[in-house]
Amino acid sequence: MSVAVLSVTLMCARTQTPASHPGVLQAPGMAVTGLPVLSAERRIRMIGVERPGTGYSTPYTYDRIKDWASDIKAFADGLGIDKFATVGLSGGGPYVLAACHSLPDRVTAGAVLGGIGPTRGPETAPGYTRLLPIAYPLLAALRRPLGALLTSGVKALRRVASDGYDLYKNFIAPPSDRAVLADPAMKAVFIYDLTTALEGGLRAPASDVVLFGRHWGFYLREISVPVRFWHGDADRIVPLSHGEFQAALVPGAELVVCPGGGHFAGYILGRDVLDWISSVWTDRPHARPVRAVPALDAEPDAAASSADVGGGD
């Protein structure tokens, strides 16, 4: 038995560890340094997902975030995958939660790192993202030309990707993210992912913004799969309030606050995430006992202040 996840409409994936290991699907918005080594140590198979409109996957816009789950199921069935865990960072968070909601008999755990929350309905997360539904009609109308513009514009910048990365790191990124971005391994992974994502275009971000402005098609209160949220308290892109809000709604969910962590803190949390998945997915094949290892070099008092938020209304 092996594990993974992906999406229909011709979706492509990158496998980072042996197929003999049960696995974890990297949902949209997830690229973590050191994952091949970390996952191999834990006998976990990592499969990276290229969602529709990214890399070699064909462009497609779902009606709702929930629709991603049916693609994941079809992909897992095609690979003969029975059980799997799923992980996503930032805009990948909603996709992780959709799989957890719709496939409770298949998904063993969901990890969300700095994930954006719902923008419509009674579970609307607090913050500036409440403006997305207001801008939705314009964004929906401009989705195709915006996607084409992103594709052509970023392709033109590919030749100066390294200099552009350094410019963002040194002068644009918030201080909380600069330490993470300064890691050469992080830079290499980031540029590689950006380069490969551009092979077939870069229309997915435009589709994501449209989807995030719609109702997700499910409620967080209905999720029954173990879920843990990680969120930096200095995240300026997706505020900590999103992590706090969602963790309070998902029954039994936990929130780990990363002191001083920005939006890119999730890129160095691979060890923590995989250890947590191993701890809740105890019956997976080839499993071995693991010792929880803190992912961030926080002071003892700061680590102790990391919050666990459980229970729904």
C-alpha atoms as a PDB file:
ATOM      1  CA  MET A   1       0.000   0.000   0.000  1.00  0.00           C
ATOM      2  CA  SER A   2       1.215   3.493  -0.833  1.00  0.00           C
ATOM      3  CA  VAL A   3      -0.149   6.971  -0.361  1.00  0.00           C
ATOM      4  CA  ALA A   4      -0.474  10.239  -2.250  1.00  0.00           C
ATOM      5  CA  VAL A   5      -2.902  12.779  -3.617  1.00  0.00           C
ATOM      6  CA  LEU A   6      -3.488  14.858  -6.728  1.00  0.00           C
ATOM      7  CA  SER A   7      -6.085  16.294  -9.075  1.00  0.00           C
ATOM      8  CA  VAL A   8      -7.920  15.213 -12.220  1.00  0.00           C
ATOM      9  CA  THR A   9      -7.986  17.136 -15.575  1.00  0.00           C
ATOM     10  CA  LEU A  10      -4.543  15.752 -16.267  1.00  0.00           C
ATOM     11  CA  MET A  11      -2.647  16.417 -13.085  1.00  0.00           C
ATOM     12  CA  CYS A  12       1.090  15.868 -12.760  1.00  0.00           C
ATOM     13  CA  ALA A  13       3.091  14.881  -9.696  1.00  0.00           C
ATOM     14  CA  ARG A  14       6.667  14.609  -8.489  1.00  0.00           C
ATOM     15  CA  THR A  15       7.571  11.715  -6.224  1.00  0.00           C
ATOM     16  CA  GLN A  16      10.413  12.408  -3.813  1.00  0.00           C
ATOM     17  CA  THR A  17      10.699   9.097  -1.989  1.00  0.00           C
ATOM     18  CA  PRO A  18      10.339   5.349  -2.745  1.00  0.00           C
ATOM     19  CA  ALA A  19       6.966   4.057  -3.922  1.00  0.00           C
ATOM     20  CA  SER A  20       7.197   1.254  -1.362  1.00  0.00           C
ATOM     21  CA  HIS A  21       6.582   3.744   1.455  1.00  0.00           C
ATOM     22  CA  PRO A  22       3.089   4.866   2.481  1.00  0.00           C
ATOM     23  CA  GLY A  23       2.873   8.521   1.614  1.00  0.00           C
ATOM     24  CA  VAL A  24       1.881  12.089   2.157  1.00  0.00           C
ATOM     25  CA  LEU A  25       0.461  14.271  -0.550  1.00  0.00           C
ATOM     26  CA  GLN A  26       1.877  17.760  -0.889  1.00  0.00           C
ATOM     27  CA  ALA A  27      -1.199  19.778  -1.770  1.00  0.00           C
ATOM     28  CA  PRO A  28      -1.047  23.057  -3.723  1.00  0.00           C
ATOM     29  CA  GLY A  29       1.168  25.675  -2.160  1.00  0.00           C
ATOM     30  CA  MET A  30       3.718  23.402  -0.528  1.00  0.00           C
ATOM     31  CA  ALA A  31       7.487  23.230  -1.053  1.00  0.00           C
ATOM     32  CA  VAL A  32       9.634  22.446   1.938  1.00  0.00           C
ATOM     33  CA  THR A  33      13.413  22.225   2.078  1.00  0.00           C
ATOM     34  CA  GLY A  34      14.885  18.864   3.077  1.00  0.00           C
ATOM     35  CA  LEU A  35      11.694  16.857   2.570  1.00  0.00           C
ATOM     36  CA  PRO A  36      13.265  13.957   0.627  1.00  0.00           C
ATOM     37  CA  VAL A  37      15.630  13.185   3.502  1.00  0.00           C
ATOM     38  CA  LEU A  38      13.094  13.829   6.261  1.00  0.00           C
ATOM     39  CA  SER A  39      10.417  11.697   4.630  1.00  0.00           C
ATOM     40  CA  ALA A  40      12.805   8.847   3.792  1.00  0.00           C
ATOM     41  CA  GLU A  41      13.932   8.740   7.436  1.00  0.00           C
ATOM     42  CA  ARG A  42      10.297   8.249   8.452  1.00  0.00           C
ATOM     43  CA  ARG A  43       9.518   5.805   5.637  1.00  0.00           C
ATOM     44  CA  ILE A  44       6.998   8.200   4.154  1.00  0.00           C
ATOM     45  CA  ARG A  45       6.461   8.637   0.420  1.00  0.00           C
ATOM     46  CA  MET A  46       6.115  12.309  -0.601  1.00  0.00           C
ATOM     47  CA  ILE A  47       4.182  13.170  -3.755  1.00  0.00           C
ATOM     48  CA  GLY A  48       4.109  16.803  -4.867  1.00  0.00           C
ATOM     49  CA  VAL A  49       0.964  17.998  -6.604  1.00  0.00           C
ATOM     50  CA  GLU A  50       0.767  20.314  -9.589  1.00  0.00           C
ATOM     51  CA  ARG A  51      -2.786  21.585  -9.465  1.00  0.00           C
ATOM     52  CA  PRO A  52      -4.625  22.575 -12.655  1.00  0.00           C
ATOM     53  CA  GLY A  53      -2.934  25.515 -14.354  1.00  0.00           C
ATOM     54  CA  THR A  54       0.485  24.907 -12.811  1.00  0.00           C
ATOM     55  CA  GLY A  55       3.431  23.169 -14.437  1.00  0.00           C
ATOM     56  CA  TYR A  56       2.348  20.389 -16.786  1.00  0.00           C
ATOM     57  CA  SER A  57      -1.198  20.115 -15.414  1.00  0.00           C
ATOM     58  CA  THR A  58      -3.935  21.344 -17.717  1.00  0.00           C
ATOM     59  CA  PRO A  59      -5.667  24.631 -16.755  1.00  0.00           C
ATOM     60  CA  TYR A  60      -8.997  24.218 -15.012  1.00  0.00           C
ATOM     61  CA  THR A  61     -11.042  26.208 -12.499  1.00  0.00           C
ATOM     62  CA  TYR A  62     -13.212  24.297 -10.044  1.00  0.00           C
ATOM     63  CA  ASP A  63     -16.672  25.485  -9.136  1.00  0.00           C
ATOM     64  CA  ARG A  64     -15.771  25.152  -5.463  1.00  0.00           C
ATOM     65  CA  ILE A  65     -12.734  24.215  -3.392  1.00  0.00           C
ATOM     66  CA  LYS A  66     -14.616  21.062  -2.372  1.00  0.00           C
ATOM     67  CA  ASP A  67     -14.427  19.744  -5.949  1.00  0.00           C
ATOM     68  CA  TRP A  68     -10.685  19.176  -5.517  1.00  0.00           C
ATOM     69  CA  ALA A  69     -11.477  16.155  -3.341  1.00  0.00           C
ATOM     70  CA  SER A  70     -13.022  14.171  -6.212  1.00  0.00           C
ATOM     71  CA  ASP A  71      -9.846  14.657  -8.253  1.00  0.00           C
ATOM     72  CA  ILE A  72      -7.721  13.543  -5.323  1.00  0.00           C
ATOM     73  CA  LYS A  73      -9.823  10.422  -4.961  1.00  0.00           C
ATOM     74  CA  ALA A  74      -9.497   9.596  -8.665  1.00  0.00           C
ATOM     75  CA  PHE A  75      -5.738  10.099  -8.519  1.00  0.00           C
ATOM     76  CA  ALA A  76      -5.334   7.935  -5.433  1.00  0.00           C
ATOM     77  CA  ASP A  77      -7.484   5.214  -6.982  1.00  0.00           C
ATOM     78  CA  GLY A  78      -5.380   5.305 -10.130  1.00  0.00           C
ATOM     79  CA  LEU A  79      -2.208   4.684  -8.155  1.00  0.00           C
ATOM     80  CA  GLY A  80      -3.778   2.004  -5.994  1.00  0.00           C
ATOM     81  CA  ILE A  81      -3.443   4.243  -2.934  1.00  0.00           C
ATOM     82  CA  ASP A  82      -5.684   3.426  -0.001  1.00  0.00           C
ATOM     83  CA  LYS A  83      -4.833   5.787   2.860  1.00  0.00           C
ATOM     84  CA  PHE A  84      -2.878   9.025   2.742  1.00  0.00           C
ATOM     85  CA  ALA A  85      -2.147  12.204   4.662  1.00  0.00           C
ATOM     86  CA  THR A  86      -2.159  15.621   3.029  1.00  0.00           C
ATOM     87  CA  VAL A  87      -0.194  18.808   3.644  1.00  0.00           C
ATOM     88  CA  GLY A  88      -0.547  22.333   2.276  1.00  0.00           C
ATOM     89  CA  LEU A  89       0.902  25.781   2.858  1.00  0.00           C
ATOM     90  CA  SER A  90      -0.838  29.134   2.356  1.00  0.00           C
ATOM     91  CA  GLY A  91      -3.314  28.715  -0.521  1.00  0.00           C
ATOM     92  CA  GLY A  92      -2.869  24.951  -0.226  1.00  0.00           C
ATOM     93  CA  GLY A  93      -4.654  24.955   3.129  1.00  0.00           C
ATOM     94  CA  PRO A  94      -8.212  25.034   1.753  1.00  0.00           C
ATOM     95  CA  TYR A  95      -7.434  22.070  -0.521  1.00  0.00           C
ATOM     96  CA  VAL A  96      -6.113  20.059   2.426  1.00  0.00           C
ATOM     97  CA  LEU A  97      -9.282  20.777   4.394  1.00  0.00           C
ATOM     98  CA  ALA A  98     -11.472  19.856   1.399  1.00  0.00           C
ATOM     99  CA  ALA A  99      -9.813  16.440   1.192  1.00  0.00           C
ATOM    100  CA  CYS A 100     -10.173  15.950   4.952  1.00  0.00           C
ATOM    101  CA  HIS A 101     -13.851  16.853   4.791  1.00  0.00           C
ATOM    102  CA  SER A 102     -14.851  14.789   1.767  1.00  0.00           C
ATOM    103  CA  LEU A 103     -12.585  11.743   2.159  1.00  0.00           C
ATOM    104  CA  PRO A 104     -12.574  10.872   5.864  1.00  0.00           C
ATOM    105  CA  ASP A 105     -12.218   7.175   5.046  1.00  0.00           C
ATOM    106  CA  ARG A 106      -9.062   7.825   3.005  1.00  0.00           C
ATOM    107  CA  VAL A 107      -7.308  10.813   4.598  1.00  0.00           C
ATOM    108  CA  THR A 108      -5.468   9.976   7.818  1.00  0.00           C
ATOM    109  CA  ALA A 109      -4.305  13.499   8.736  1.00  0.00           C
ATOM    110  CA  GLY A 110      -4.308  17.057   7.407  1.00  0.00           C
ATOM    111  CA  ALA A 111      -1.556  19.591   8.067  1.00  0.00           C
ATOM    112  CA  VAL A 112      -2.155  23.259   7.237  1.00  0.00           C
ATOM    113  CA  LEU A 113       0.720  25.753   7.376  1.00  0.00           C
ATOM    114  CA  GLY A 114      -0.195  29.438   7.240  1.00  0.00           C
ATOM    115  CA  GLY A 115      -3.427  28.546   5.438  1.00  0.00           C
ATOM    116  CA  ILE A 116      -5.991  31.086   4.291  1.00  0.00           C
ATOM    117  CA  GLY A 117      -9.473  30.739   5.778  1.00  0.00           C
ATOM    118  CA  PRO A 118     -12.975  30.950   4.255  1.00  0.00           C
ATOM    119  CA  THR A 119     -14.145  34.295   2.902  1.00  0.00           C
ATOM    120  CA  ARG A 120     -17.882  33.599   2.656  1.00  0.00           C
ATOM    121  CA  GLY A 121     -20.654  32.232   4.842  1.00  0.00           C
ATOM    122  CA  PRO A 122     -20.987  31.855   8.612  1.00  0.00           C
ATOM    123  CA  GLU A 123     -17.406  30.588   8.906  1.00  0.00           C
ATOM    124  CA  THR A 124     -15.788  33.641   7.305  1.00  0.00           C
ATOM    125  CA  ALA A 125     -12.333  34.227   8.770  1.00  0.00           C
ATOM    126  CA  PRO A 126     -11.447  37.693  10.087  1.00  0.00           C
ATOM    127  CA  GLY A 127      -9.126  40.056   8.260  1.00  0.00           C
ATOM    128  CA  TYR A 128      -8.658  41.756   4.914  1.00  0.00           C
ATOM    129  CA  THR A 129      -9.624  38.598   2.990  1.00  0.00           C
ATOM    130  CA  ARG A 130     -13.266  39.507   3.686  1.00  0.00           C
ATOM    131  CA  LEU A 131     -12.860  41.876   0.730  1.00  0.00           C
ATOM    132  CA  LEU A 132     -12.429  39.005  -1.742  1.00  0.00           C
ATOM    133  CA  PRO A 133     -16.171  38.393  -2.213  1.00  0.00           C
ATOM    134  CA  ILE A 134     -16.617  42.097  -2.988  1.00  0.00           C
ATOM    135  CA  ALA A 135     -13.958  41.924  -5.695  1.00  0.00           C
ATOM    136  CA  TYR A 136     -15.148  38.516  -6.891  1.00  0.00           C
ATOM    137  CA  PRO A 137     -17.169  39.635  -9.971  1.00  0.00           C
ATOM    138  CA  LEU A 138     -14.195  41.571 -11.356  1.00  0.00           C
ATOM    139  CA  LEU A 139     -11.702  38.821 -10.539  1.00  0.00           C
ATOM    140  CA  ALA A 140     -13.896  36.160 -12.146  1.00  0.00           C
ATOM    141  CA  ALA A 141     -14.212  38.231 -15.325  1.00  0.00           C
ATOM    142  CA  LEU A 142     -10.464  38.851 -15.496  1.00  0.00           C
ATOM    143  CA  ARG A 143      -9.335  35.347 -14.535  1.00  0.00           C
ATOM    144  CA  ARG A 144      -8.228  34.222 -18.000  1.00  0.00           C
ATOM    145  CA  PRO A 145      -6.415  37.405 -19.093  1.00  0.00           C
ATOM    146  CA  LEU A 146      -4.870  37.724 -15.627  1.00  0.00           C
ATOM    147  CA  GLY A 147      -3.605  34.150 -15.824  1.00  0.00           C
ATOM    148  CA  ALA A 148      -2.126  34.783 -19.261  1.00  0.00           C
ATOM    149  CA  LEU A 149      -0.495  37.975 -18.011  1.00  0.00           C
ATOM    150  CA  LEU A 150       1.051  36.179 -15.043  1.00  0.00           C
ATOM    151  CA  THR A 151       2.372  33.446 -17.309  1.00  0.00           C
ATOM    152  CA  SER A 152       4.015  35.773 -19.808  1.00  0.00           C
ATOM    153  CA  GLY A 153       5.230  38.228 -17.177  1.00  0.00           C
ATOM    154  CA  VAL A 154       6.863  35.684 -14.879  1.00  0.00           C
ATOM    155  CA  LYS A 155       8.391  33.784 -17.799  1.00  0.00           C
ATOM    156  CA  ALA A 156      10.101  37.005 -18.831  1.00  0.00           C
ATOM    157  CA  LEU A 157      11.534  37.308 -15.317  1.00  0.00           C
ATOM    158  CA  ARG A 158      12.835  33.732 -15.209  1.00  0.00           C
ATOM    159  CA  ARG A 159      16.241  34.799 -16.546  1.00  0.00           C
ATOM    160  CA  VAL A 160      16.730  37.052 -13.525  1.00  0.00           C
ATOM    161  CA  ALA A 161      15.072  34.760 -10.983  1.00  0.00           C
ATOM    162  CA  SER A 162      18.085  34.681  -8.669  1.00  0.00           C
ATOM    163  CA  ASP A 163      18.471  38.464  -8.571  1.00  0.00           C
ATOM    164  CA  GLY A 164      14.728  38.882  -8.149  1.00  0.00           C
ATOM    165  CA  TYR A 165      14.708  36.467  -5.226  1.00  0.00           C
ATOM    166  CA  ASP A 166      17.517  38.399  -3.526  1.00  0.00           C
ATOM    167  CA  LEU A 167      15.717  41.700  -4.131  1.00  0.00           C
ATOM    168  CA  TYR A 168      12.556  40.391  -2.502  1.00  0.00           C
ATOM    169  CA  LYS A 169      14.481  38.846   0.394  1.00  0.00           C
ATOM    170  CA  ASN A 170      16.520  41.939   1.187  1.00  0.00           C
ATOM    171  CA  PHE A 171      14.090  44.782   0.570  1.00  0.00           C
ATOM    172  CA  ILE A 172      10.494  43.592   0.272  1.00  0.00           C
ATOM    173  CA  ALA A 173      10.012  40.560   2.523  1.00  0.00           C
ATOM    174  CA  PRO A 174       9.025  41.278   6.136  1.00  0.00           C
ATOM    175  CA  PRO A 175      11.838  40.777   8.678  1.00  0.00           C
ATOM    176  CA  SER A 176      10.104  37.666  10.011  1.00  0.00           C
ATOM    177  CA  ASP A 177      10.649  35.881   6.676  1.00  0.00           C
ATOM    178  CA  ARG A 178      14.172  37.029   5.840  1.00  0.00           C
ATOM    179  CA  ALA A 179      15.949  34.430   7.975  1.00  0.00           C
ATOM    180  CA  VAL A 180      14.098  31.622   6.179  1.00  0.00           C
ATOM    181  CA  LEU A 181      14.666  33.130   2.736  1.00  0.00           C
ATOM    182  CA  ALA A 182      18.394  33.584   3.460  1.00  0.00           C
ATOM    183  CA  ASP A 183      18.913  29.803   3.500  1.00  0.00           C
ATOM    184  CA  PRO A 184      20.621  28.798   0.190  1.00  0.00           C
ATOM    185  CA  ALA A 185      18.662  25.547   0.152  1.00  0.00           C
ATOM    186  CA  MET A 186      15.430  27.503   0.427  1.00  0.00           C
ATOM    187  CA  LYS A 187      16.460  29.712  -2.484  1.00  0.00           C
ATOM    188  CA  ALA A 188      17.329  26.712  -4.640  1.00  0.00           C
ATOM    189  CA  VAL A 189      13.996  24.985  -3.919  1.00  0.00           C
ATOM    190  CA  PHE A 190      12.010  28.165  -4.465  1.00  0.00           C
ATOM    191  CA  ILE A 191      13.621  28.981  -7.820  1.00  0.00           C
ATOM    192  CA  TYR A 192      13.409  25.372  -9.001  1.00  0.00           C
ATOM    193  CA  ASP A 193       9.705  25.163  -8.168  1.00  0.00           C
ATOM    194  CA  LEU A 194       9.024  28.505  -9.834  1.00  0.00           C
ATOM    195  CA  THR A 195      10.921  27.470 -12.951  1.00  0.00           C
ATOM    196  CA  THR A 196       9.222  24.088 -13.310  1.00  0.00           C
ATOM    197  CA  ALA A 197       5.806  25.572 -12.534  1.00  0.00           C
ATOM    198  CA  LEU A 198       6.208  27.857 -15.520  1.00  0.00           C
ATOM    199  CA  GLU A 199       6.689  25.063 -18.036  1.00  0.00           C
ATOM    200  CA  GLY A 200       2.986  24.853 -18.761  1.00  0.00           C
ATOM    201  CA  GLY A 201       1.983  28.332 -17.635  1.00  0.00           C
ATOM    202  CA  LEU A 202       1.007  29.994 -14.379  1.00  0.00           C
ATOM    203  CA  ARG A 203      -2.769  30.292 -14.412  1.00  0.00           C
ATOM    204  CA  ALA A 204      -3.439  28.569 -11.092  1.00  0.00           C
ATOM    205  CA  PRO A 205      -2.930  31.655  -8.871  1.00  0.00           C
ATOM    206  CA  ALA A 206      -5.595  33.568 -10.799  1.00  0.00           C
ATOM    207  CA  SER A 207      -7.992  30.633 -10.436  1.00  0.00           C
ATOM    208  CA  ASP A 208      -7.166  30.350  -6.739  1.00  0.00           C
ATOM    209  CA  VAL A 209      -8.092  33.976  -6.068  1.00  0.00           C
ATOM    210  CA  VAL A 210     -11.442  33.399  -7.769  1.00  0.00           C
ATOM    211  CA  LEU A 211     -12.078  30.216  -5.784  1.00  0.00           C
ATOM    212  CA  PHE A 212     -11.107  31.840  -2.498  1.00  0.00           C
ATOM    213  CA  GLY A 213     -13.787  34.456  -3.170  1.00  0.00           C
ATOM    214  CA  ARG A 214     -16.456  31.752  -3.389  1.00  0.00           C
ATOM    215  CA  HIS A 215     -17.981  29.554  -0.704  1.00  0.00           C
ATOM    216  CA  TRP A 216     -15.770  26.488  -0.295  1.00  0.00           C
ATOM    217  CA  GLY A 217     -18.716  24.091  -0.531  1.00  0.00           C
ATOM    218  CA  PHE A 218     -18.284  22.619   2.943  1.00  0.00           C
ATOM    219  CA  TYR A 219     -18.035  23.682   6.576  1.00  0.00           C
ATOM    220  CA  LEU A 220     -15.011  23.336   8.818  1.00  0.00           C
ATOM    221  CA  ARG A 221     -17.251  22.130  11.656  1.00  0.00           C
ATOM    222  CA  GLU A 222     -18.019  19.003   9.611  1.00  0.00           C
ATOM    223  CA  ILE A 223     -14.406  17.759   9.404  1.00  0.00           C
ATOM    224  CA  SER A 224     -13.712  14.575  11.373  1.00  0.00           C
ATOM    225  CA  VAL A 225     -10.100  13.852  10.302  1.00  0.00           C
ATOM    226  CA  PRO A 226      -7.220  14.855  12.641  1.00  0.00           C
ATOM    227  CA  VAL A 227      -6.034  18.327  11.611  1.00  0.00           C
ATOM    228  CA  ARG A 228      -3.222  20.494  12.924  1.00  0.00           C
ATOM    229  CA  PHE A 229      -2.578  24.114  11.968  1.00  0.00           C
ATOM    230  CA  TRP A 230       0.815  25.817  12.095  1.00  0.00           C
ATOM    231  CA  HIS A 231       0.904  29.607  11.859  1.00  0.00           C
ATOM    232  CA  GLY A 232       3.530  32.285  12.399  1.00  0.00           C
ATOM    233  CA  ASP A 233       2.502  35.114  14.685  1.00  0.00           C
ATOM    234  CA  ALA A 234       4.340  37.594  12.426  1.00  0.00           C
ATOM    235  CA  ASP A 235       2.666  36.465   9.185  1.00  0.00           C
ATOM    236  CA  ARG A 236       1.644  39.564   7.214  1.00  0.00           C
ATOM    237  CA  ILE A 237       0.239  37.735   4.200  1.00  0.00           C
ATOM    238  CA  VAL A 238      -2.209  35.399   5.956  1.00  0.00           C
ATOM    239  CA  PRO A 239      -2.682  36.751   9.489  1.00  0.00           C
ATOM    240  CA  LEU A 240      -2.521  34.531  12.558  1.00  0.00           C
ATOM    241  CA  SER A 241      -6.240  35.198  13.098  1.00  0.00           C
ATOM    242  CA  HIS A 242      -6.948  32.806  10.205  1.00  0.00           C
ATOM    243  CA  GLY A 243      -5.135  29.954  11.927  1.00  0.00           C
ATOM    244  CA  GLU A 244      -6.777  30.694  15.266  1.00  0.00           C
ATOM    245  CA  PHE A 245     -10.230  30.947  13.702  1.00  0.00           C
ATOM    246  CA  GLN A 246     -10.006  27.744  11.683  1.00  0.00           C
ATOM    247  CA  ALA A 247      -8.467  25.693  14.488  1.00  0.00           C
ATOM    248  CA  ALA A 248     -11.330  26.714  16.764  1.00  0.00           C
ATOM    249  CA  LEU A 249     -13.886  25.509  14.206  1.00  0.00           C
ATOM    250  CA  VAL A 250     -12.451  22.136  13.147  1.00  0.00           C
ATOM    251  CA  PRO A 251     -13.454  19.600  15.823  1.00  0.00           C
ATOM    252  CA  GLY A 252     -10.442  18.407  17.804  1.00  0.00           C
ATOM    253  CA  ALA A 253      -7.997  20.485  15.750  1.00  0.00           C
ATOM    254  CA  GLU A 254      -4.774  21.882  17.197  1.00  0.00           C
ATOM    255  CA  LEU A 255      -2.981  25.152  16.519  1.00  0.00           C
ATOM    256  CA  VAL A 256       0.773  25.537  16.865  1.00  0.00           C
ATOM    257  CA  VAL A 257       1.854  29.161  16.911  1.00  0.00           C
ATOM    258  CA  CYS A 258       5.381  29.755  15.601  1.00  0.00           C
ATOM    259  CA  PRO A 259       6.855  32.678  17.609  1.00  0.00           C
ATOM    260  CA  GLY A 260       8.344  35.260  15.278  1.00  0.00           C
ATOM    261  CA  GLY A 261       7.419  33.194  12.232  1.00  0.00           C
ATOM    262  CA  GLY A 262       6.315  34.874   9.013  1.00  0.00           C
ATOM    263  CA  HIS A 263       4.409  33.432   6.068  1.00  0.00           C
ATOM    264  CA  PHE A 264       7.395  31.357   4.961  1.00  0.00           C
ATOM    265  CA  ALA A 265       7.909  29.738   8.367  1.00  0.00           C
ATOM    266  CA  GLY A 266       6.148  26.661   7.030  1.00  0.00           C
ATOM    267  CA  TYR A 267       9.056  25.976   4.698  1.00  0.00           C
ATOM    268  CA  ILE A 268      11.236  24.907   7.625  1.00  0.00           C
ATOM    269  CA  LEU A 269       8.582  22.955   9.518  1.00  0.00           C
ATOM    270  CA  GLY A 270       8.928  19.726   7.536  1.00  0.00           C
ATOM    271  CA  ARG A 271      10.348  17.738  10.460  1.00  0.00           C
ATOM    272  CA  ASP A 272       7.610  18.872  12.835  1.00  0.00           C
ATOM    273  CA  VAL A 273       4.849  18.188  10.311  1.00  0.00           C
ATOM    274  CA  LEU A 274       6.047  14.693   9.376  1.00  0.00           C
ATOM    275  CA  ASP A 275       6.572  13.737  13.015  1.00  0.00           C
ATOM    276  CA  TRP A 276       3.022  14.808  13.826  1.00  0.00           C
ATOM    277  CA  ILE A 277       1.620  12.830  10.889  1.00  0.00           C
ATOM    278  CA  SER A 278       3.569   9.774  12.045  1.00  0.00           C
ATOM    279  CA  SER A 279       2.166  10.185  15.556  1.00  0.00           C
ATOM    280  CA  VAL A 280      -1.476  10.210  14.444  1.00  0.00           C
ATOM    281  CA  TRP A 281      -1.133   7.703  11.591  1.00  0.00           C
ATOM    282  CA  THR A 282       0.048   4.875  13.800  1.00  0.00           C
ATOM    283  CA  ASP A 283      -1.200   1.953  11.702  1.00  0.00           C
ATOM    284  CA  ARG A 284       0.567   2.896   8.472  1.00  0.00           C
ATOM    285  CA  PRO A 285       2.835   0.244   6.897  1.00  0.00           C
ATOM    286  CA  HIS A 286       6.556   0.527   7.679  1.00  0.00           C
ATOM    287  CA  ALA A 287       5.792   2.916  10.516  1.00  0.00           C
ATOM    288  CA  ARG A 288       8.334   3.357  13.262  1.00  0.00           C
ATOM    289  CA  PRO A 289       8.133   5.254  16.560  1.00  0.00           C
ATOM    290  CA  VAL A 290       9.230   8.856  16.219  1.00  0.00           C
ATOM    291  CA  ARG A 291      10.353  11.447  18.708  1.00  0.00           C
ATOM    292  CA  ALA A 292       8.801  14.883  18.324  1.00  0.00           C
ATOM    293  CA  VAL A 293      11.505  17.378  17.453  1.00  0.00           C
ATOM    294  CA  PRO A 294      10.818  21.154  17.563  1.00  0.00           C
ATOM    295  CA  ALA A 295      11.082  22.633  14.084  1.00  0.00           C
ATOM    296  CA  LEU A 296      11.938  26.161  15.149  1.00  0.00           C
ATOM    297  CA  ASP A 297      14.762  27.223  17.424  1.00  0.00           C
ATOM    298  CA  ALA A 298      12.458  29.005  19.828  1.00  0.00           C
ATOM    299  CA  GLU A 299      13.273  29.833  23.420  1.00  0.00           C
ATOM    300  CA  PRO A 300      11.767  27.395  25.949  1.00  0.00           C
ATOM    301  CA  ASP A 301       9.304  29.996  27.201  1.00  0.00           C
ATOM    302  CA  ALA A 302       8.268  30.866  23.661  1.00  0.00           C
ATOM    303  CA  ALA A 303       7.823  27.229  22.720  1.00  0.00           C
ATOM    304  CA  ALA A 304       5.700  26.669  25.785  1.00  0.00           C
ATOM    305  CA  SER A 305       3.456  29.526  24.731  1.00  0.00           C
ATOM    306  CA  SER A 306       2.580  27.842  21.445  1.00  0.00           C
ATOM    307  CA  ALA A 307      -1.147  27.434  21.602  1.00  0.00           C
ATOM    308  CA  ASP A 308      -3.318  24.371  21.175  1.00  0.00           C
ATOM    309  CA  VAL A 309      -6.874  25.259  20.259  1.00  0.00           C
ATOM    310  CA  GLY A 310      -9.364  22.408  20.208  1.00  0.00           C
ATOM    311  CA  GLY A 311     -13.021  21.717  19.766  1.00  0.00           C
ATOM    312  CA  GLY A 312     -15.740  23.233  17.645  1.00  0.00           C
ATOM    313  CA  ASP A 313     -18.886  25.018  18.588  1.00  0.00           C
END
